[in-house]
C-alpha atoms as a PDB file:
ATOM      1  CA  MET A   1      27.862  23.435  95.608  1.00  0.00           C
ATOM      2  CA  ALA A   2      31.245  25.652  95.649  1.00  0.00           C
ATOM      3  CA  HIS A   3      31.650  23.763  91.507  1.00  0.00           C
ATOM      4  CA  VAL A   4      29.250  24.897  89.177  1.00  0.00           C
ATOM      5  CA  PRO A   5      30.155  27.482  86.344  1.00  0.00           C
ATOM      6  CA  LYS A   6      31.284  31.474  88.230  1.00  0.00           C
ATOM      7  CA  ASN A   7      29.750  35.139  86.589  1.00  0.00           C
ATOM      8  CA  ALA A   8      33.512  36.144  85.697  1.00  0.00           C
ATOM      9  CA  SER A   9      31.689  39.262  86.756  1.00  0.00           C
ATOM     10  CA  ILE A  10      31.520  39.336  90.749  1.00  0.00           C
ATOM     11  CA  PRO A  11      35.113  40.346  91.400  1.00  0.00           C
ATOM     12  CA  MET A  12      37.472  38.521  93.860  1.00  0.00           C
ATOM     13  CA  ARG A  13      38.454  40.323  97.362  1.00  0.00           C
ATOM     14  CA  ASP A  14      41.247  40.962  98.766  1.00  0.00           C
ATOM     15  CA  GLY A  15      43.742  38.039  96.916  1.00  0.00           C
ATOM     16  CA  VAL A  16      40.151  35.849  97.112  1.00  0.00           C
ATOM     17  CA  SER A  17      38.303  34.611  94.369  1.00  0.00           C
ATOM     18  CA  PRO A  18      34.107  34.856  95.092  1.00  0.00           C
ATOM     19  CA  SER A  19      32.860  30.688  95.904  1.00  0.00           C
ATOM     20  CA  CYS A  20      29.773  30.275  94.103  1.00  0.00           C
ATOM     21  CA  VAL A  21      27.024  27.584  95.490  1.00  0.00           C
ATOM     22  CA  ALA A  22      24.097  27.337  92.865  1.00  0.00           C
ATOM     23  CA  LEU A  23      20.825  26.549  94.645  1.00  0.00           C
ATOM     24  CA  PRO A  24      18.860  23.072  94.001  1.00  0.00           C
ATOM     25  CA  ARG A  25      15.434  23.162  92.805  1.00  0.00           C
ATOM     26  CA  MET A  26      13.071  21.948  94.491  1.00  0.00           C
ATOM     27  CA  ARG A  27       9.157  21.996  94.251  1.00  0.00           C
ATOM     28  CA  VAL A  28       9.011  22.501  97.757  1.00  0.00           C
ATOM     29  CA  ALA A  29      12.253  24.176  99.225  1.00  0.00           C
ATOM     30  CA  PRO A  30      12.730  22.380 103.178  1.00  0.00           C
ATOM     31  CA  TRP A  31      14.079  26.632 103.877  1.00  0.00           C
ATOM     32  CA  PRO A  32      12.546  29.721 103.914  1.00  0.00           C
ATOM     33  CA  THR A  33      14.931  31.625 104.020  1.00  0.00           C
ATOM     34  CA  LEU A  34      18.388  31.792 102.245  1.00  0.00           C
ATOM     35  CA  LEU A  35      20.412  31.872 105.386  1.00  0.00           C
ATOM     36  CA  ASP A  36      18.007  28.625 106.675  1.00  0.00           C
ATOM     37  CA  PHE A  37      19.924  27.571 103.227  1.00  0.00           C
ATOM     38  CA  LEU A  38      23.352  28.227 103.651  1.00  0.00           C
ATOM     39  CA  ALA A  39      23.576  27.075 107.609  1.00  0.00           C
ATOM     40  CA  GLU A  40      22.511  23.794 106.810  1.00  0.00           C
ATOM     41  CA  ARG A  41      23.987  23.223 104.302  1.00  0.00           C
ATOM     42  CA  LEU A  42      27.790  24.805 104.676  1.00  0.00           C
ATOM     43  CA  PRO A  43      27.615  23.928 108.168  1.00  0.00           C
ATOM     44  CA  ARG A  44      31.948  24.648 108.821  1.00  0.00           C
ATOM     45  CA  VAL A  45      30.340  28.398 109.367  1.00  0.00           C
ATOM     46  CA  PRO A  46      27.825  28.575 112.027  1.00  0.00           C
ATOM     47  CA  ARG A  47      24.681  30.719 111.672  1.00  0.00           C
ATOM     48  CA  THR A  48      25.693  32.948 113.661  1.00  0.00           C
ATOM     49  CA  GLU A  49      28.823  33.730 111.726  1.00  0.00           C
ATOM     50  CA  TRP A  50      26.104  33.170 108.531  1.00  0.00           C
ATOM     51  CA  LEU A  51      24.613  35.868 110.077  1.00  0.00           C
ATOM     52  CA  GLN A  52      26.975  38.131 110.162  1.00  0.00           C
ATOM     53  CA  ARG A  53      28.546  37.551 106.423  1.00  0.00           C
ATOM     54  CA  MET A  54      24.985  38.657 105.028  1.00  0.00           C
ATOM     55  CA  GLN A  55      24.746  41.455 107.315  1.00  0.00           C
ATOM     56  CA  ALA A  56      27.832  43.071 105.855  1.00  0.00           C
ATOM     57  CA  GLY A  57      27.210  42.533 103.011  1.00  0.00           C
ATOM     58  CA  GLU A  58      30.138  39.888 102.230  1.00  0.00           C
ATOM     59  CA  VAL A  59      27.342  37.218 100.398  1.00  0.00           C
ATOM     60  CA  VAL A  60      25.748  38.203  96.852  1.00  0.00           C
ATOM     61  CA  GLY A  61      23.548  36.947  94.405  1.00  0.00           C
ATOM     62  CA  ASP A  62      24.743  36.922  89.922  1.00  0.00           C
ATOM     63  CA  ASP A  63      23.550  40.541  89.679  1.00  0.00           C
ATOM     64  CA  GLY A  64      26.941  40.742  92.479  1.00  0.00           C
ATOM     65  CA  LEU A  65      23.812  42.683  94.781  1.00  0.00           C
ATOM     66  CA  PRO A  66      24.235  41.953  99.251  1.00  0.00           C
ATOM     67  CA  LEU A  67      21.514  39.606  99.836  1.00  0.00           C
ATOM     68  CA  PRO A  68      20.272  40.157 102.743  1.00  0.00           C
ATOM     69  CA  PRO A  69      19.204  37.452 106.331  1.00  0.00           C
ATOM     70  CA  GLU A  70      16.232  37.585 105.541  1.00  0.00           C
ATOM     71  CA  ALA A  71      15.748  37.052 102.123  1.00  0.00           C
ATOM     72  CA  PRO A  72      13.878  34.129 100.726  1.00  0.00           C
ATOM     73  CA  TYR A  73      15.721  30.751  99.278  1.00  0.00           C
ATOM     74  CA  GLU A  74      15.393  31.578  95.306  1.00  0.00           C
ATOM     75  CA  ASN A  75      15.834  27.976  93.343  1.00  0.00           C
ATOM     76  CA  GLY A  76      18.384  27.374  90.556  1.00  0.00           C
ATOM     77  CA  ALA A  77      19.893  30.947  92.428  1.00  0.00           C
ATOM     78  CA  ARG A  78      23.489  31.374  92.605  1.00  0.00           C
ATOM     79  CA  VAL A  79      25.527  32.581  95.278  1.00  0.00           C
ATOM     80  CA  TYR A  80      28.676  34.140  96.185  1.00  0.00           C
ATOM     81  CA  TYR A  81      30.991  34.682  98.847  1.00  0.00           C
ATOM     82  CA  TRP A  82      34.707  35.061 100.085  1.00  0.00           C
ATOM     83  CA  ARG A  83      36.207  32.322 101.665  1.00  0.00           C
ATOM     84  CA  ALA A  84      37.674  33.684 104.871  1.00  0.00           C
ATOM     85  CA  LEU A  85      38.760  32.648 108.735  1.00  0.00           C
ATOM     86  CA  PRO A  86      37.619  34.259 112.193  1.00  0.00           C
ATOM     87  CA  GLN A  87      41.805  34.632 113.123  1.00  0.00           C
ATOM     88  CA  GLU A  88      44.464  32.563 110.677  1.00  0.00           C
ATOM     89  CA  PRO A  89      48.108  32.004 112.038  1.00  0.00           C
ATOM     90  CA  VAL A  90      50.317  34.156 110.162  1.00  0.00           C
ATOM     91  CA  ILE A  91      53.280  32.698 108.161  1.00  0.00           C
ATOM     92  CA  PRO A  92      56.093  35.277 108.834  1.00  0.00           C
ATOM     93  CA  PHE A  93      58.217  34.707 105.649  1.00  0.00           C
ATOM     94  CA  GLU A  94      57.789  36.077 102.081  1.00  0.00           C
ATOM     95  CA  GLU A  95      57.584  35.013  98.787  1.00  0.00           C
ATOM     96  CA  THR A  96      59.118  35.815  95.917  1.00  0.00           C
ATOM     97  CA  VAL A  97      57.968  36.378  92.331  1.00  0.00           C
ATOM     98  CA  VAL A  98      60.975  36.002  89.574  1.00  0.00           C
ATOM     99  CA  PHE A  99      59.457  35.209  86.683  1.00  0.00           C
ATOM    100  CA  GLN A 100      55.957  37.234  85.412  1.00  0.00           C
ATOM    101  CA  ASP A 101      55.159  37.766  81.653  1.00  0.00           C
ATOM    102  CA  GLU A 102      51.763  37.070  80.024  1.00  0.00           C
ATOM    103  CA  HIS A 103      50.933  33.915  80.326  1.00  0.00           C
ATOM    104  CA  LEU A 104      52.843  32.634  83.602  1.00  0.00           C
ATOM    105  CA  VAL A 105      53.887  33.840  87.599  1.00  0.00           C
ATOM    106  CA  VAL A 106      57.009  31.925  89.072  1.00  0.00           C
ATOM    107  CA  ALA A 107      57.205  32.411  92.496  1.00  0.00           C
ATOM    108  CA  ASP A 108      59.833  31.085  95.072  1.00  0.00           C
ATOM    109  CA  LYS A 109      57.281  29.938  98.370  1.00  0.00           C
ATOM    110  CA  PRO A 110      59.080  29.340 101.570  1.00  0.00           C
ATOM    111  CA  HIS A 111      59.232  27.038 104.181  1.00  0.00           C
ATOM    112  CA  PHE A 112      55.520  26.392 105.811  1.00  0.00           C
ATOM    113  CA  LEU A 113      53.825  28.731 103.141  1.00  0.00           C
ATOM    114  CA  PRO A 114      50.924  26.335 101.313  1.00  0.00           C
ATOM    115  CA  VAL A 115      49.852  26.686  97.871  1.00  0.00           C
ATOM    116  CA  THR A 116      46.162  26.908  98.663  1.00  0.00           C
ATOM    117  CA  PRO A 117      43.801  28.021 100.838  1.00  0.00           C
ATOM    118  CA  GLY A 118      42.924  25.039 103.691  1.00  0.00           C
ATOM    119  CA  GLY A 119      42.082  24.398 106.929  1.00  0.00           C
ATOM    120  CA  ARG A 120      43.321  26.649 109.043  1.00  0.00           C
ATOM    121  CA  TYR A 121      44.666  29.219 105.972  1.00  0.00           C
ATOM    122  CA  VAL A 122      43.543  31.703 103.307  1.00  0.00           C
ATOM    123  CA  GLN A 123      44.971  34.298 104.006  1.00  0.00           C
ATOM    124  CA  GLN A 124      48.637  32.664 104.163  1.00  0.00           C
ATOM    125  CA  SER A 125      48.448  30.724 101.382  1.00  0.00           C
ATOM    126  CA  LEU A 126      50.558  31.480  98.439  1.00  0.00           C
ATOM    127  CA  LEU A 127      47.841  31.264  95.820  1.00  0.00           C
ATOM    128  CA  VAL A 128      45.649  34.596  97.739  1.00  0.00           C
ATOM    129  CA  ARG A 129      49.178  36.264  98.528  1.00  0.00           C
ATOM    130  CA  LEU A 130      49.470  36.448  95.177  1.00  0.00           C
ATOM    131  CA  LYS A 131      46.342  37.561  94.223  1.00  0.00           C
ATOM    132  CA  ARG A 132      46.472  40.260  95.675  1.00  0.00           C
ATOM    133  CA  ARG A 133      49.866  41.147  95.444  1.00  0.00           C
ATOM    134  CA  LEU A 134      49.541  41.061  91.644  1.00  0.00           C
ATOM    135  CA  ASN A 135      45.584  41.443  90.782  1.00  0.00           C
ATOM    136  CA  LEU A 136      46.007  38.419  89.660  1.00  0.00           C
ATOM    137  CA  PRO A 137      41.974  37.014  89.913  1.00  0.00           C
ATOM    138  CA  ASN A 138      42.444  34.784  87.202  1.00  0.00           C
ATOM    139  CA  LEU A 139      45.462  33.296  88.732  1.00  0.00           C
ATOM    140  CA  SER A 140      45.838  29.079  89.262  1.00  0.00           C
ATOM    141  CA  PRO A 141      48.802  26.988  90.170  1.00  0.00           C
ATOM    142  CA  LEU A 142      49.465  23.661  87.729  1.00  0.00           C
ATOM    143  CA  HIS A 143      51.032  21.637  90.729  1.00  0.00           C
ATOM    144  CA  ARG A 144      51.389  21.740  93.781  1.00  0.00           C
ATOM    145  CA  ILE A 145      54.820  21.693  96.381  1.00  0.00           C
ATOM    146  CA  ASP A 146      53.619  20.478 100.339  1.00  0.00           C
ATOM    147  CA  ARG A 147      53.479  23.571 102.540  1.00  0.00           C
ATOM    148  CA  GLU A 148      56.933  22.171 104.356  1.00  0.00           C
ATOM    149  CA  THR A 149      58.372  22.102 101.886  1.00  0.00           C
ATOM    150  CA  ALA A 150      60.588  25.570 100.409  1.00  0.00           C
ATOM    151  CA  GLY A 151      61.216  26.304  96.441  1.00  0.00           C
ATOM    152  CA  LEU A 152      59.177  26.979  93.271  1.00  0.00           C
ATOM    153  CA  VAL A 153      55.575  27.214  92.414  1.00  0.00           C
ATOM    154  CA  VAL A 154      54.634  27.325  88.026  1.00  0.00           C
ATOM    155  CA  PHE A 155      51.948  29.731  87.991  1.00  0.00           C
ATOM    156  CA  SER A 156      48.612  30.243  85.170  1.00  0.00           C
ATOM    157  CA  VAL A 157      48.064  33.888  84.320  1.00  0.00           C
ATOM    158  CA  ARG A 158      45.216  32.659  82.262  1.00  0.00           C
ATOM    159  CA  PRO A 159      42.683  30.742  82.063  1.00  0.00           C
ATOM    160  CA  GLN A 160      42.776  29.643  78.742  1.00  0.00           C
ATOM    161  CA  ASP A 161      45.576  28.599  78.406  1.00  0.00           C
ATOM    162  CA  ARG A 162      45.941  26.314  81.901  1.00  0.00           C
ATOM    163  CA  ASP A 163      45.058  22.451  80.370  1.00  0.00           C
ATOM    164  CA  ALA A 164      47.791  22.790  78.303  1.00  0.00           C
ATOM    165  CA  TYR A 165      50.335  23.485  80.487  1.00  0.00           C
ATOM    166  CA  GLN A 166      48.471  21.192  83.821  1.00  0.00           C
ATOM    167  CA  ARG A 167      48.962  18.203  80.826  1.00  0.00           C
ATOM    168  CA  LEU A 168      52.945  19.348  80.387  1.00  0.00           C
ATOM    169  CA  PHE A 169      52.755  17.736  83.650  1.00  0.00           C
ATOM    170  CA  ARG A 170      50.090  15.549  83.293  1.00  0.00           C
ATOM    171  CA  GLU A 171      51.975  13.815  80.559  1.00  0.00           C
ATOM    172  CA  ARG A 172      55.974  14.097  82.756  1.00  0.00           C
ATOM    173  CA  HIS A 173      57.209  16.883  80.305  1.00  0.00           C
ATOM    174  CA  ILE A 174      58.005  18.785  83.167  1.00  0.00           C
ATOM    175  CA  ALA A 175      62.002  18.724  84.382  1.00  0.00           C
ATOM    176  CA  LYS A 176      61.745  19.010  87.705  1.00  0.00           C
ATOM    177  CA  THR A 177      65.364  18.875  90.692  1.00  0.00           C
ATOM    178  CA  TYR A 178      64.905  20.115  94.015  1.00  0.00           C
ATOM    179  CA  GLU A 179      67.749  19.452  97.421  1.00  0.00           C
ATOM    180  CA  ALA A 180      67.222  17.560 100.743  1.00  0.00           C
ATOM    181  CA  ILE A 181      69.493  17.179 103.330  1.00  0.00           C
ATOM    182  CA  ALA A 182      69.414  14.519 104.795  1.00  0.00           C
ATOM    183  CA  PRO A 183      72.219  12.171 107.357  1.00  0.00           C
ATOM    184  CA  ALA A 184      75.269  11.148 105.407  1.00  0.00           C
ATOM    185  CA  ALA A 185      75.290   7.536 104.217  1.00  0.00           C
ATOM    186  CA  PRO A 186      78.862   6.265 102.650  1.00  0.00           C
ATOM    187  CA  HIS A 187      77.714   2.406 102.809  1.00  0.00           C
ATOM    188  CA  LEU A 188      75.948   3.605 100.161  1.00  0.00           C
ATOM    189  CA  ALA A 189      76.456   3.836  96.093  1.00  0.00           C
ATOM    190  CA  TRP A 190      75.391   7.141  94.579  1.00  0.00           C
ATOM    191  CA  PRO A 191      74.030   7.965  92.957  1.00  0.00           C
ATOM    192  CA  GLN A 192      70.547   5.925  94.085  1.00  0.00           C
ATOM    193  CA  THR A 193      67.639   4.936  91.805  1.00  0.00           C
ATOM    194  CA  ARG A 194      64.707   4.429  93.961  1.00  0.00           C
ATOM    195  CA  ARG A 195      61.311   2.975  92.786  1.00  0.00           C
ATOM    196  CA  SER A 196      57.691   2.376  94.948  1.00  0.00           C
ATOM    197  CA  HIS A 197      54.991   1.442  95.151  1.00  0.00           C
ATOM    198  CA  ILE A 198      53.497   4.641  97.749  1.00  0.00           C
ATOM    199  CA  LEU A 199      50.173   4.862  99.427  1.00  0.00           C
ATOM    200  CA  GLU A 200      48.639   6.033 102.133  1.00  0.00           C
ATOM    201  CA  CYS A 201      49.371   5.305 105.614  1.00  0.00           C
ATOM    202  CA  GLU A 202      46.367   2.931 106.792  1.00  0.00           C
ATOM    203  CA  ASP A 203      46.234   4.504 110.478  1.00  0.00           C
ATOM    204  CA  ALA A 204      46.999   8.464 109.198  1.00  0.00           C
ATOM    205  CA  PHE A 205      45.685   9.940 106.387  1.00  0.00           C
ATOM    206  CA  TYR A 206      48.846  13.107 106.799  1.00  0.00           C
ATOM    207  CA  LYS A 207      50.842  10.302 105.876  1.00  0.00           C
ATOM    208  CA  MET A 208      52.417   8.304 102.961  1.00  0.00           C
ATOM    209  CA  ARG A 209      54.079   4.826 102.277  1.00  0.00           C
ATOM    210  CA  GLU A 210      55.427   2.551 100.574  1.00  0.00           C
ATOM    211  CA  ALA A 211      54.559  -0.928 100.068  1.00  0.00           C
ATOM    212  CA  ALA A 212      56.087  -3.953 101.625  1.00  0.00           C
ATOM    213  CA  PRO A 213      57.453  -6.270  98.720  1.00  0.00           C
ATOM    214  CA  HIS A 214      54.985  -9.286 100.339  1.00  0.00           C
ATOM    215  CA  GLU A 215      51.964  -7.032  99.388  1.00  0.00           C
ATOM    216  CA  GLY A 216      53.097  -7.525  95.435  1.00  0.00           C
ATOM    217  CA  LEU A 217      51.839  -3.819  94.069  1.00  0.00           C
ATOM    218  CA  PRO A 218      52.827  -2.184  91.675  1.00  0.00           C
ATOM    219  CA  ASP A 219      55.170   0.374  91.306  1.00  0.00           C
ATOM    220  CA  ASN A 220      53.915   4.069  91.531  1.00  0.00           C
ATOM    221  CA  SER A 221      56.916   6.087  91.353  1.00  0.00           C
ATOM    222  CA  GLU A 222      60.393   6.402  90.771  1.00  0.00           C
ATOM    223  CA  THR A 223      63.193   9.696  92.172  1.00  0.00           C
ATOM    224  CA  HIS A 224      67.633   9.527  91.107  1.00  0.00           C
ATOM    225  CA  ILE A 225      69.289  10.158  93.970  1.00  0.00           C
ATOM    226  CA  HIS A 226      72.021  12.358  93.680  1.00  0.00           C
ATOM    227  CA  LEU A 227      75.297  12.650  96.032  1.00  0.00           C
ATOM    228  CA  LEU A 228      76.320  16.934  96.351  1.00  0.00           C
ATOM    229  CA  GLU A 229      78.270  16.856  99.163  1.00  0.00           C
ATOM    230  CA  GLN A 230      78.483  15.678 102.592  1.00  0.00           C
ATOM    231  CA  ARG A 231      79.681  17.691 105.662  1.00  0.00           C
ATOM    232  CA  GLY A 232      79.985  15.909 109.170  1.00  0.00           C
ATOM    233  CA  PRO A 233      77.003  13.491 109.435  1.00  0.00           C
ATOM    234  CA  TRP A 234      74.116  15.232 107.066  1.00  0.00           C
ATOM    235  CA  ALA A 235      74.456  15.444 102.763  1.00  0.00           C
ATOM    236  CA  ARG A 236      73.145  17.214 100.707  1.00  0.00           C
ATOM    237  CA  TYR A 237      70.907  15.749  97.569  1.00  0.00           C
ATOM    238  CA  ARG A 238      69.717  16.570  94.534  1.00  0.00           C
ATOM    239  CA  LEU A 239      66.433  14.945  93.901  1.00  0.00           C
ATOM    240  CA  GLU A 240      65.009  13.774  90.402  1.00  0.00           C
ATOM    241  CA  PRO A 241      61.409  12.737  90.459  1.00  0.00           C
ATOM    242  CA  VAL A 242      59.294  10.972  87.568  1.00  0.00           C
ATOM    243  CA  SER A 243      56.881  10.607  89.373  1.00  0.00           C
ATOM    244  CA  GLY A 244      54.559  12.981  91.294  1.00  0.00           C
ATOM    245  CA  LYS A 245      52.770  11.310  94.197  1.00  0.00           C
ATOM    246  CA  ARG A 246      53.086  12.895  97.304  1.00  0.00           C
ATOM    247  CA  HIS A 247      55.639  13.011  99.640  1.00  0.00           C
ATOM    248  CA  GLN A 248      56.679  10.773  97.409  1.00  0.00           C
ATOM    249  CA  LEU A 249      60.945  12.535  98.058  1.00  0.00           C
ATOM    250  CA  ARG A 250      60.262  12.412 101.273  1.00  0.00           C
ATOM    251  CA  VAL A 251      58.435   8.518 101.587  1.00  0.00           C
ATOM    252  CA  HIS A 252      62.028   7.642  98.924  1.00  0.00           C
ATOM    253  CA  LEU A 253      64.197   8.176 101.401  1.00  0.00           C
ATOM    254  CA  ASN A 254      63.164   7.543 105.016  1.00  0.00           C
ATOM    255  CA  GLY A 255      63.268   4.045 103.103  1.00  0.00           C
ATOM    256  CA  LEU A 256      66.481   4.183 102.267  1.00  0.00           C
ATOM    257  CA  GLY A 257      66.729   5.165 106.222  1.00  0.00           C
ATOM    258  CA  LEU A 258      67.653   8.542 105.898  1.00  0.00           C
ATOM    259  CA  PRO A 259      64.485  10.863 107.009  1.00  0.00           C
ATOM    260  CA  MET A 260      65.385  14.904 105.362  1.00  0.00           C
ATOM    261  CA  ALA A 261      66.558  16.893 108.316  1.00  0.00           C
ATOM    262  CA  GLY A 262      63.398  18.637 110.239  1.00  0.00           C
ATOM    263  CA  ASP A 263      60.940  15.869 108.538  1.00  0.00           C
ATOM    264  CA  GLN A 264      57.656  15.904 111.529  1.00  0.00           C
ATOM    265  CA  PHE A 265      56.564  12.329 109.838  1.00  0.00           C
ATOM    266  CA  TYR A 266      59.035  10.567 109.289  1.00  0.00           C
ATOM    267  CA  PRO A 267      59.740   7.977 110.230  1.00  0.00           C
ATOM    268  CA  VAL A 268      57.667   9.293 113.273  1.00  0.00           C
ATOM    269  CA  VAL A 269      55.007  11.323 113.478  1.00  0.00           C
ATOM    270  CA  ARG A 270      56.613  13.855 115.784  1.00  0.00           C
ATOM    271  CA  ARG A 271      54.480  16.599 115.031  1.00  0.00           C
ATOM    272  CA  ALA A 272      50.771  16.655 113.729  1.00  0.00           C
ATOM    273  CA  PRO A 273      48.613  18.057 112.109  1.00  0.00           C
ATOM    274  CA  GLY A 274      47.014  20.814 113.470  1.00  0.00           C
ATOM    275  CA  GLU A 275      49.524  21.526 116.529  1.00  0.00           C
ATOM    276  CA  ALA A 276      51.946  24.540 116.378  1.00  0.00           C
ATOM    277  CA  GLU A 277      54.505  25.289 114.541  1.00  0.00           C
ATOM    278  CA  ASP A 278      58.985  25.322 115.322  1.00  0.00           C
ATOM    279  CA  PHE A 279      58.935  27.801 112.626  1.00  0.00           C
ATOM    280  CA  THR A 280      63.556  27.578 113.620  1.00  0.00           C
ATOM    281  CA  ASN A 281      63.859  23.381 112.378  1.00  0.00           C
ATOM    282  CA  PRO A 282      62.037  23.331 108.903  1.00  0.00           C
ATOM    283  CA  LEU A 283      61.725  19.805 106.948  1.00  0.00           C
ATOM    284  CA  ARG A 284      64.861  20.764 104.381  1.00  0.00           C
ATOM    285  CA  LEU A 285      63.346  19.814 101.188  1.00  0.00           C
ATOM    286  CA  LEU A 286      63.434  22.593  98.716  1.00  0.00           C
ATOM    287  CA  ALA A 287      61.951  22.216  95.080  1.00  0.00           C
ATOM    288  CA  GLN A 288      65.157  24.229  93.362  1.00  0.00           C
ATOM    289  CA  ALA A 289      64.618  23.954  90.024  1.00  0.00           C
ATOM    290  CA  ILE A 290      62.322  22.788  87.027  1.00  0.00           C
ATOM    291  CA  ALA A 291      61.536  23.656  83.359  1.00  0.00           C
ATOM    292  CA  PHE A 292      59.822  22.203  80.148  1.00  0.00           C
ATOM    293  CA  THR A 293      59.365  23.532  76.738  1.00  0.00           C
ATOM    294  CA  ASP A 294      56.638  27.105  76.873  1.00  0.00           C
ATOM    295  CA  PRO A 295      53.133  25.246  75.423  1.00  0.00           C
ATOM    296  CA  VAL A 296      51.609  28.388  74.557  1.00  0.00           C
ATOM    297  CA  THR A 297      55.102  30.741  73.155  1.00  0.00           C
ATOM    298  CA  GLY A 298      56.823  27.445  72.184  1.00  0.00           C
ATOM    299  CA  ALA A 299      60.594  28.983  74.024  1.00  0.00           C
ATOM    300  CA  PRO A 300      62.681  27.261  76.161  1.00  0.00           C
ATOM    301  CA  ARG A 301      61.052  27.465  80.646  1.00  0.00           C
ATOM    302  CA  ARG A 302      63.927  27.335  82.566  1.00  0.00           C
ATOM    303  CA  PHE A 303      63.918  28.510  86.789  1.00  0.00           C
ATOM    304  CA  GLU A 304      65.947  28.754  89.284  1.00  0.00           C
ATOM    305  CA  SER A 305      65.191  28.785  93.155  1.00  0.00           C
ATOM    306  CA  ALA A 306      67.665  31.953  95.090  1.00  0.00           C
ATOM    307  CA  ARG A 307      67.012  29.637  98.040  1.00  0.00           C
ATOM    308  CA  CYS A 308      69.708  27.705 100.170  1.00  0.00           C
ATOM    309  CA  LEU A 309      69.360  24.694 102.614  1.00  0.00           C
ATOM    310  CA  ARG A 310      69.784  25.954 106.094  1.00  0.00           C
ATOM    311  CA  TRP A 311      72.044  22.308 107.198  1.00  0.00           C
ATOM    312  CA  PRO A 312      70.707  21.018 111.114  1.00  0.00           C
ATOM    313  CA  ASP A 313      73.582  21.266 113.507  1.00  0.00           C
ATOM    314  CA  ALA A 314      75.413  19.144 113.939  1.00  0.00           C
ATOM    315  CA  PRO A 315      73.653  16.481 116.973  1.00  0.00           C
END
């Protein structure tokens, strides 16, 4: 319901763009009021909260005017609201903007900050922070990195440019470089290329796994791995993904017997989604650099993160 065309004149509020709901056209609508419809069809927000939002003027029509709780249900009408959470954990780390022009924004994200709103986070997401800070209501991420990962994220500023930039990622015309800290492996020859078939774990939707050889699945992921330096039992690696599967870098290093320092999911789950964060032990994974030829301007682009991974304490 939230993916209907939006009225561009409905502004964002506090960095959050409006969500749009189109009311179904029905011969006889079972909802006397708009409040009845919202409470039944969008039940993740309790009826009492919808009531409070409408009383506060936070639900509006296509004309931008507030819709009161007693507003009748109208076939085909479009209704707008702004996603909000009554309580939201604060992420006590700040992003930096490393580049901005009329087409692109490149941000250097801290660990623990999600790229887009979801679950427990709305205001505490990189997208909303940047929209609010830069006053760019049409800002849109061109790719994602995990909430646990730090480093570079590229955003499109103008809707008319978005498809050209997204095509770069779809067609793999982007060179991405990551760094990770994981156990040292003097018994392995470097560099390594890891290829495998990555799929979702059957018993944990938030984890991925590599298919076993007997499953007969073709490779769908590839990562080039280089050893950069070693300090005692730990080493820093450069990772160059060719494909972009979910958790690919974490899964590939773990498949070599080298789980990343601070990884809460691999090889075993130490903190499930929704549990309290341990800000003192971040995942040692950094989106360090990204390079491409700009499809809009034709200029070569290369951006590097200013962040450095902290070496873990010796065991």
